[in-house]
């Protein structure tokens, strides 16, 4: 507890204004990501009723991407990757909201864990494309 004794929690108005911009950007990113996820769910419910009609190989899926980019994004799960990348500013905004807590590294650690989940998702997608 004494290690945090010298930590200043006072903020200047300029610093508060900078954090406010990050909060707004994070909020807009979260809304945009939510809309992308909602579109993904709706589009998946409408278009993918027949799973046997989906392209089976990565080459067929990329060919489908060149023919219809929206359907290609959906079947390659790239729409999910894009929405996860859009969420990165929201994670930084959440870090900013929790930065005054006693454990200052805890929000940063959570942000890195979420970014690690994004990396893991991309690796799973890469594995699926190769097999």
N, C-alpha and C. Protein backbone atom coordinates (compact mmCIF):
# COMPACT_ATOMS: atom_id res chain seq x y z
N UNK A 1 0.82 -1.19 0.00
CA UNK A 1 0.00 0.00 0.00
C UNK A 1 0.86 1.25 0.00
N UNK A 2 2.04 1.16 0.66
CA UNK A 2 2.91 2.32 0.72
C UNK A 2 3.53 2.65 -0.63
N UNK A 3 3.60 1.66 -1.50
CA UNK A 3 4.18 1.90 -2.82
C UNK A 3 3.34 2.89 -3.62
N UNK A 4 2.05 2.94 -3.34
CA UNK A 4 1.15 3.82 -4.08
C UNK A 4 0.92 5.15 -3.36
N UNK A 5 1.62 5.36 -2.26
CA UNK A 5 1.40 6.55 -1.46
C UNK A 5 1.78 7.83 -2.20
N UNK A 6 2.87 7.78 -2.98
CA UNK A 6 3.35 8.96 -3.68
C UNK A 6 2.65 9.18 -5.02
N UNK A 7 1.75 8.30 -5.38
CA UNK A 7 1.06 8.43 -6.66
C UNK A 7 0.05 9.57 -6.59
N UNK A 8 0.16 10.48 -7.50
CA UNK A 8 -0.74 11.64 -7.51
C UNK A 8 -2.00 11.31 -8.29
N UNK A 9 -3.14 11.51 -7.67
CA UNK A 9 -4.40 11.26 -8.35
C UNK A 9 -5.01 12.55 -8.89
N UNK A 10 -4.33 13.66 -8.73
CA UNK A 10 -4.84 14.92 -9.25
C UNK A 10 -4.64 14.97 -10.75
N UNK A 11 -5.65 15.47 -11.43
CA UNK A 11 -5.56 15.58 -12.87
C UNK A 11 -5.75 17.03 -13.29
N UNK A 12 -5.03 17.42 -14.30
CA UNK A 12 -5.18 18.76 -14.84
C UNK A 12 -6.38 18.76 -15.77
N UNK A 13 -6.96 19.93 -16.03
CA UNK A 13 -8.09 19.99 -16.97
C UNK A 13 -7.71 19.48 -18.36
N UNK A 14 -6.47 19.71 -18.77
CA UNK A 14 -6.05 19.24 -20.09
C UNK A 14 -6.04 17.71 -20.14
N UNK A 15 -5.57 17.08 -19.08
CA UNK A 15 -5.55 15.62 -19.02
C UNK A 15 -6.97 15.06 -18.99
N UNK A 16 -7.85 15.72 -18.25
CA UNK A 16 -9.25 15.29 -18.22
C UNK A 16 -9.87 15.40 -19.60
N UNK A 17 -9.54 16.44 -20.34
CA UNK A 17 -10.08 16.62 -21.68
C UNK A 17 -9.55 15.53 -22.63
N UNK A 18 -8.30 15.17 -22.48
CA UNK A 18 -7.74 14.11 -23.31
C UNK A 18 -8.40 12.76 -23.01
N UNK A 19 -8.62 12.48 -21.73
CA UNK A 19 -9.29 11.23 -21.38
C UNK A 19 -10.73 11.24 -21.87
N UNK A 20 -11.37 12.40 -21.86
CA UNK A 20 -12.75 12.49 -22.35
C UNK A 20 -12.82 12.12 -23.83
N UNK A 21 -11.82 12.54 -24.61
CA UNK A 21 -11.78 12.17 -26.03
C UNK A 21 -11.62 10.66 -26.19
N UNK A 22 -10.79 10.07 -25.33
CA UNK A 22 -10.61 8.62 -25.39
C UNK A 22 -11.90 7.91 -25.01
N UNK A 23 -12.61 8.42 -24.01
CA UNK A 23 -13.89 7.83 -23.61
C UNK A 23 -14.90 7.89 -24.75
N UNK A 24 -14.98 9.04 -25.42
CA UNK A 24 -15.92 9.18 -26.54
C UNK A 24 -15.55 8.24 -27.68
N UNK A 25 -14.27 8.17 -28.00
CA UNK A 25 -13.83 7.29 -29.07
C UNK A 25 -14.11 5.83 -28.71
N UNK A 26 -13.88 5.47 -27.45
CA UNK A 26 -14.17 4.10 -27.00
C UNK A 26 -15.66 3.79 -27.04
N UNK A 27 -16.48 4.77 -26.67
CA UNK A 27 -17.93 4.56 -26.73
C UNK A 27 -18.43 4.38 -28.15
N UNK A 28 -17.93 5.21 -29.06
CA UNK A 28 -18.32 5.07 -30.47
C UNK A 28 -17.82 3.75 -31.04
N UNK A 29 -16.62 3.34 -30.65
CA UNK A 29 -16.09 2.06 -31.12
C UNK A 29 -16.94 0.89 -30.60
N UNK A 30 -17.36 0.97 -29.34
CA UNK A 30 -18.20 -0.09 -28.79
C UNK A 30 -19.54 -0.17 -29.51
N UNK A 31 -20.13 0.99 -29.80
CA UNK A 31 -21.41 1.00 -30.54
C UNK A 31 -21.24 0.45 -31.95
N UNK A 32 -20.16 0.85 -32.62
CA UNK A 32 -19.91 0.36 -33.97
C UNK A 32 -19.66 -1.14 -33.96
N UNK A 33 -18.93 -1.63 -32.98
CA UNK A 33 -18.68 -3.06 -32.87
C UNK A 33 -19.97 -3.82 -32.56
N UNK A 34 -20.81 -3.23 -31.71
CA UNK A 34 -22.10 -3.86 -31.41
C UNK A 34 -22.95 -3.96 -32.66
N UNK A 35 -22.98 -2.90 -33.46
CA UNK A 35 -23.76 -2.93 -34.70
C UNK A 35 -23.20 -3.98 -35.66
N UNK A 36 -21.87 -4.08 -35.76
CA UNK A 36 -21.27 -5.10 -36.61
C UNK A 36 -21.60 -6.50 -36.15
N UNK A 37 -21.60 -6.72 -34.86
CA UNK A 37 -21.95 -8.03 -34.31
C UNK A 37 -23.42 -8.35 -34.56
N UNK A 38 -24.27 -7.34 -34.39
CA UNK A 38 -25.70 -7.54 -34.65
C UNK A 38 -25.96 -7.86 -36.11
N UNK A 39 -25.28 -7.15 -37.01
CA UNK A 39 -25.42 -7.44 -38.45
C UNK A 39 -24.92 -8.84 -38.75
N UNK A 40 -23.83 -9.25 -38.11
CA UNK A 40 -23.29 -10.59 -38.30
C UNK A 40 -24.29 -11.65 -37.87
N UNK A 41 -24.93 -11.45 -36.73
CA UNK A 41 -25.91 -12.42 -36.24
C UNK A 41 -27.13 -12.49 -37.15
N UNK A 42 -27.64 -11.34 -37.54
CA UNK A 42 -28.83 -11.30 -38.40
C UNK A 42 -28.52 -11.92 -39.76
N UNK A 43 -27.39 -11.52 -40.34
CA UNK A 43 -27.02 -12.04 -41.65
C UNK A 43 -26.78 -13.54 -41.60
N UNK A 44 -26.17 -14.02 -40.51
CA UNK A 44 -25.94 -15.45 -40.36
C UNK A 44 -27.22 -16.23 -40.20
N UNK A 45 -28.19 -15.65 -39.51
CA UNK A 45 -29.47 -16.33 -39.33
C UNK A 45 -30.24 -16.42 -40.64
N UNK A 46 -30.10 -15.42 -41.47
CA UNK A 46 -30.85 -15.39 -42.73
C UNK A 46 -30.18 -16.23 -43.81
N UNK A 47 -28.86 -16.11 -43.94
CA UNK A 47 -28.19 -16.69 -45.11
C UNK A 47 -27.65 -18.10 -44.93
N UNK A 48 -27.37 -18.53 -43.74
CA UNK A 48 -26.66 -19.80 -43.56
C UNK A 48 -27.54 -20.90 -43.03
N UNK A 49 -28.70 -21.03 -43.59
CA UNK A 49 -29.59 -22.09 -43.14
C UNK A 49 -29.08 -23.47 -43.58
N UNK A 50 -28.47 -23.54 -44.76
CA UNK A 50 -27.98 -24.81 -45.28
C UNK A 50 -26.46 -24.85 -45.14
N UNK A 51 -25.94 -25.56 -44.16
CA UNK A 51 -24.50 -25.60 -43.91
C UNK A 51 -23.74 -26.39 -44.95
N UNK A 52 -24.41 -27.33 -45.63
CA UNK A 52 -23.71 -28.12 -46.65
C UNK A 52 -23.45 -27.29 -47.91
N UNK A 53 -24.15 -26.17 -48.07
CA UNK A 53 -23.94 -25.31 -49.24
C UNK A 53 -22.77 -24.35 -49.06
N UNK A 54 -22.19 -24.31 -47.87
CA UNK A 54 -21.06 -23.42 -47.62
C UNK A 54 -19.81 -23.94 -48.32
N UNK A 55 -18.93 -23.05 -48.77
CA UNK A 55 -17.66 -23.51 -49.35
C UNK A 55 -16.86 -24.29 -48.33
N UNK A 56 -16.26 -25.40 -48.75
CA UNK A 56 -15.58 -26.29 -47.81
C UNK A 56 -14.09 -26.00 -47.67
N UNK A 57 -13.46 -25.43 -48.71
CA UNK A 57 -12.02 -25.16 -48.64
C UNK A 57 -11.77 -23.66 -48.55
N UNK A 58 -10.56 -23.32 -48.12
CA UNK A 58 -10.20 -21.90 -48.01
C UNK A 58 -10.18 -21.24 -49.39
N UNK A 59 -9.75 -21.97 -50.40
CA UNK A 59 -9.71 -21.40 -51.76
C UNK A 59 -11.12 -21.06 -52.24
N UNK A 60 -12.07 -21.94 -51.98
CA UNK A 60 -13.46 -21.67 -52.36
C UNK A 60 -14.02 -20.47 -51.59
N UNK A 61 -13.62 -20.34 -50.33
CA UNK A 61 -14.11 -19.21 -49.53
C UNK A 61 -13.52 -17.89 -50.00
N UNK A 62 -12.23 -17.89 -50.37
CA UNK A 62 -11.64 -16.67 -50.91
C UNK A 62 -12.21 -16.32 -52.28
N UNK A 63 -12.52 -17.34 -53.09
CA UNK A 63 -13.19 -17.09 -54.38
C UNK A 63 -14.57 -16.47 -54.14
N UNK A 64 -15.26 -16.98 -53.13
CA UNK A 64 -16.56 -16.40 -52.77
C UNK A 64 -16.39 -14.95 -52.29
N UNK A 65 -15.30 -14.69 -51.57
CA UNK A 65 -15.02 -13.33 -51.11
C UNK A 65 -14.84 -12.37 -52.28
N UNK A 66 -14.20 -12.83 -53.35
CA UNK A 66 -14.01 -11.97 -54.52
C UNK A 66 -15.32 -11.75 -55.28
N UNK A 67 -16.22 -12.71 -55.22
CA UNK A 67 -17.51 -12.55 -55.90
C UNK A 67 -18.47 -11.68 -55.10
N UNK A 68 -18.56 -11.92 -53.81
CA UNK A 68 -19.47 -11.18 -52.94
C UNK A 68 -18.73 -10.92 -51.64
N UNK A 69 -18.23 -9.69 -51.45
CA UNK A 69 -17.34 -9.41 -50.33
C UNK A 69 -18.04 -9.50 -48.98
N UNK A 70 -19.33 -9.19 -48.92
CA UNK A 70 -20.04 -9.27 -47.63
C UNK A 70 -20.19 -10.73 -47.21
N UNK A 71 -20.62 -11.57 -48.15
CA UNK A 71 -20.77 -12.99 -47.85
C UNK A 71 -19.41 -13.62 -47.57
N UNK A 72 -18.38 -13.19 -48.29
CA UNK A 72 -17.04 -13.69 -48.04
C UNK A 72 -16.53 -13.31 -46.67
N UNK A 73 -16.78 -12.06 -46.25
CA UNK A 73 -16.38 -11.63 -44.90
C UNK A 73 -17.07 -12.48 -43.85
N UNK A 74 -18.32 -12.78 -44.09
CA UNK A 74 -19.05 -13.56 -43.10
C UNK A 74 -18.52 -15.00 -43.01
N UNK A 75 -18.34 -15.64 -44.15
CA UNK A 75 -17.91 -17.04 -44.14
C UNK A 75 -16.46 -17.21 -43.73
N UNK A 76 -15.63 -16.21 -43.92
CA UNK A 76 -14.24 -16.28 -43.48
C UNK A 76 -14.08 -15.82 -42.03
N UNK A 77 -15.16 -15.42 -41.40
CA UNK A 77 -15.16 -14.87 -40.04
C UNK A 77 -14.33 -13.60 -39.92
N UNK A 78 -14.08 -12.94 -41.04
CA UNK A 78 -13.33 -11.70 -40.99
C UNK A 78 -14.16 -10.57 -40.41
N UNK A 79 -15.47 -10.67 -40.53
CA UNK A 79 -16.33 -9.66 -39.92
C UNK A 79 -16.17 -9.67 -38.40
N UNK A 80 -16.02 -10.86 -37.82
CA UNK A 80 -15.79 -10.96 -36.37
C UNK A 80 -14.44 -10.38 -35.99
N UNK A 81 -13.42 -10.60 -36.82
CA UNK A 81 -12.10 -10.05 -36.55
C UNK A 81 -12.14 -8.52 -36.62
N UNK A 82 -12.85 -7.99 -37.60
CA UNK A 82 -12.96 -6.54 -37.75
C UNK A 82 -13.67 -5.93 -36.55
N UNK A 83 -14.74 -6.55 -36.09
CA UNK A 83 -15.44 -6.01 -34.92
C UNK A 83 -14.57 -6.10 -33.66
N UNK A 84 -13.74 -7.14 -33.56
CA UNK A 84 -12.84 -7.24 -32.41
C UNK A 84 -11.75 -6.16 -32.46
N UNK A 85 -11.26 -5.86 -33.64
CA UNK A 85 -10.25 -4.80 -33.79
C UNK A 85 -10.87 -3.44 -33.49
N UNK A 86 -12.10 -3.25 -33.91
CA UNK A 86 -12.78 -1.98 -33.64
C UNK A 86 -12.95 -1.77 -32.13
N UNK A 87 -13.02 -2.85 -31.36
CA UNK A 87 -13.20 -2.74 -29.91
C UNK A 87 -11.95 -2.31 -29.15
N UNK A 88 -10.78 -2.27 -29.78
CA UNK A 88 -9.54 -1.92 -29.09
C UNK A 88 -9.64 -0.54 -28.42
N UNK A 89 -10.16 0.52 -29.08
CA UNK A 89 -10.30 1.80 -28.37
C UNK A 89 -11.23 1.72 -27.16
N UNK A 90 -12.23 0.85 -27.22
CA UNK A 90 -13.12 0.69 -26.07
C UNK A 90 -12.37 0.08 -24.88
N UNK A 91 -11.43 -0.83 -25.16
CA UNK A 91 -10.63 -1.40 -24.08
C UNK A 91 -9.74 -0.35 -23.44
N UNK A 92 -9.17 0.54 -24.25
CA UNK A 92 -8.36 1.61 -23.70
C UNK A 92 -9.21 2.59 -22.88
N UNK A 93 -10.43 2.83 -23.32
CA UNK A 93 -11.33 3.69 -22.56
C UNK A 93 -11.68 3.05 -21.21
N UNK A 94 -11.90 1.74 -21.22
CA UNK A 94 -12.16 1.04 -19.95
C UNK A 94 -10.95 1.09 -19.05
N UNK A 95 -9.77 0.98 -19.63
CA UNK A 95 -8.55 1.13 -18.83
C UNK A 95 -8.50 2.52 -18.20
N UNK A 96 -8.85 3.54 -18.99
CA UNK A 96 -8.83 4.91 -18.47
C UNK A 96 -9.82 5.12 -17.34
N UNK A 97 -10.97 4.47 -17.43
CA UNK A 97 -11.96 4.60 -16.37
C UNK A 97 -11.50 3.98 -15.06
N UNK A 98 -10.71 2.93 -15.15
CA UNK A 98 -10.28 2.20 -13.96
C UNK A 98 -8.85 2.51 -13.54
N UNK A 99 -8.25 3.52 -14.11
CA UNK A 99 -6.84 3.79 -13.84
C UNK A 99 -6.58 4.34 -12.45
N UNK A 100 -7.59 4.84 -11.75
CA UNK A 100 -7.39 5.44 -10.43
C UNK A 100 -7.53 4.43 -9.29
N UNK A 101 -7.72 3.19 -9.62
CA UNK A 101 -7.85 2.17 -8.58
C UNK A 101 -6.51 1.92 -7.91
N UNK A 102 -6.55 1.23 -6.80
CA UNK A 102 -5.33 0.94 -6.05
C UNK A 102 -4.37 0.11 -6.89
N UNK A 103 -4.88 -0.91 -7.56
CA UNK A 103 -4.04 -1.75 -8.39
C UNK A 103 -4.02 -1.17 -9.80
N UNK A 104 -3.05 -0.35 -10.07
CA UNK A 104 -3.01 0.39 -11.32
C UNK A 104 -2.73 -0.49 -12.53
N UNK A 105 -2.10 -1.60 -12.33
CA UNK A 105 -1.76 -2.47 -13.46
C UNK A 105 -2.88 -3.44 -13.80
N UNK A 106 -3.85 -3.59 -12.93
CA UNK A 106 -4.93 -4.54 -13.18
C UNK A 106 -5.73 -4.21 -14.45
N UNK A 107 -6.15 -2.95 -14.69
CA UNK A 107 -6.87 -2.68 -15.93
C UNK A 107 -6.00 -2.88 -17.16
N UNK A 108 -4.73 -2.55 -17.06
CA UNK A 108 -3.82 -2.75 -18.18
C UNK A 108 -3.67 -4.24 -18.47
N UNK A 109 -3.59 -5.04 -17.42
CA UNK A 109 -3.49 -6.48 -17.59
C UNK A 109 -4.75 -7.02 -18.27
N UNK A 110 -5.91 -6.53 -17.88
CA UNK A 110 -7.16 -6.95 -18.51
C UNK A 110 -7.18 -6.58 -19.99
N UNK A 111 -6.67 -5.40 -20.31
CA UNK A 111 -6.60 -4.98 -21.71
C UNK A 111 -5.71 -5.92 -22.51
N UNK A 112 -4.57 -6.30 -21.94
CA UNK A 112 -3.69 -7.21 -22.64
C UNK A 112 -4.31 -8.60 -22.78
N UNK A 113 -5.06 -9.03 -21.81
CA UNK A 113 -5.75 -10.32 -21.91
C UNK A 113 -6.77 -10.29 -23.04
N UNK A 114 -7.50 -9.19 -23.17
CA UNK A 114 -8.47 -9.08 -24.25
C UNK A 114 -7.79 -9.03 -25.61
N UNK A 115 -6.65 -8.35 -25.70
CA UNK A 115 -5.90 -8.33 -26.95
C UNK A 115 -5.34 -9.72 -27.25
N UNK A 116 -4.96 -10.46 -26.23
CA UNK A 116 -4.49 -11.83 -26.42
C UNK A 116 -5.62 -12.71 -26.94
N UNK A 117 -6.83 -12.49 -26.49
CA UNK A 117 -7.98 -13.24 -27.00
C UNK A 117 -8.19 -12.95 -28.48
N UNK A 118 -8.01 -11.69 -28.87
CA UNK A 118 -8.11 -11.33 -30.28
C UNK A 118 -7.05 -12.07 -31.09
N UNK A 119 -5.82 -12.10 -30.57
CA UNK A 119 -4.74 -12.80 -31.25
C UNK A 119 -5.06 -14.29 -31.37
N UNK A 120 -5.58 -14.89 -30.32
CA UNK A 120 -5.95 -16.30 -30.34
C UNK A 120 -7.04 -16.56 -31.37
N UNK A 121 -8.01 -15.67 -31.47
CA UNK A 121 -9.08 -15.82 -32.45
C UNK A 121 -8.52 -15.79 -33.86
N UNK A 122 -7.57 -14.89 -34.12
CA UNK A 122 -6.96 -14.81 -35.45
C UNK A 122 -6.17 -16.08 -35.74
N UNK A 123 -5.49 -16.63 -34.76
CA UNK A 123 -4.75 -17.86 -34.97
C UNK A 123 -5.68 -19.03 -35.26
N UNK A 124 -6.80 -19.10 -34.58
CA UNK A 124 -7.79 -20.15 -34.85
C UNK A 124 -8.33 -20.02 -36.27
N UNK A 125 -8.60 -18.78 -36.67
CA UNK A 125 -9.07 -18.53 -38.04
C UNK A 125 -8.01 -18.96 -39.05
N UNK A 126 -6.78 -18.66 -38.78
CA UNK A 126 -5.68 -19.05 -39.67
C UNK A 126 -5.58 -20.57 -39.77
N UNK A 127 -5.71 -21.25 -38.65
CA UNK A 127 -5.67 -22.71 -38.64
C UNK A 127 -6.82 -23.29 -39.45
N UNK A 128 -8.00 -22.72 -39.30
CA UNK A 128 -9.16 -23.20 -40.04
C UNK A 128 -8.99 -23.00 -41.54
N UNK A 129 -8.35 -21.92 -41.93
CA UNK A 129 -8.15 -21.66 -43.36
C UNK A 129 -7.14 -22.64 -43.96
N UNK A 130 -6.18 -23.06 -43.16
CA UNK A 130 -5.17 -24.00 -43.69
C UNK A 130 -5.66 -25.43 -43.73
N UNK A 131 -6.65 -25.77 -42.95
CA UNK A 131 -7.13 -27.17 -42.90
C UNK A 131 -8.49 -27.30 -43.50
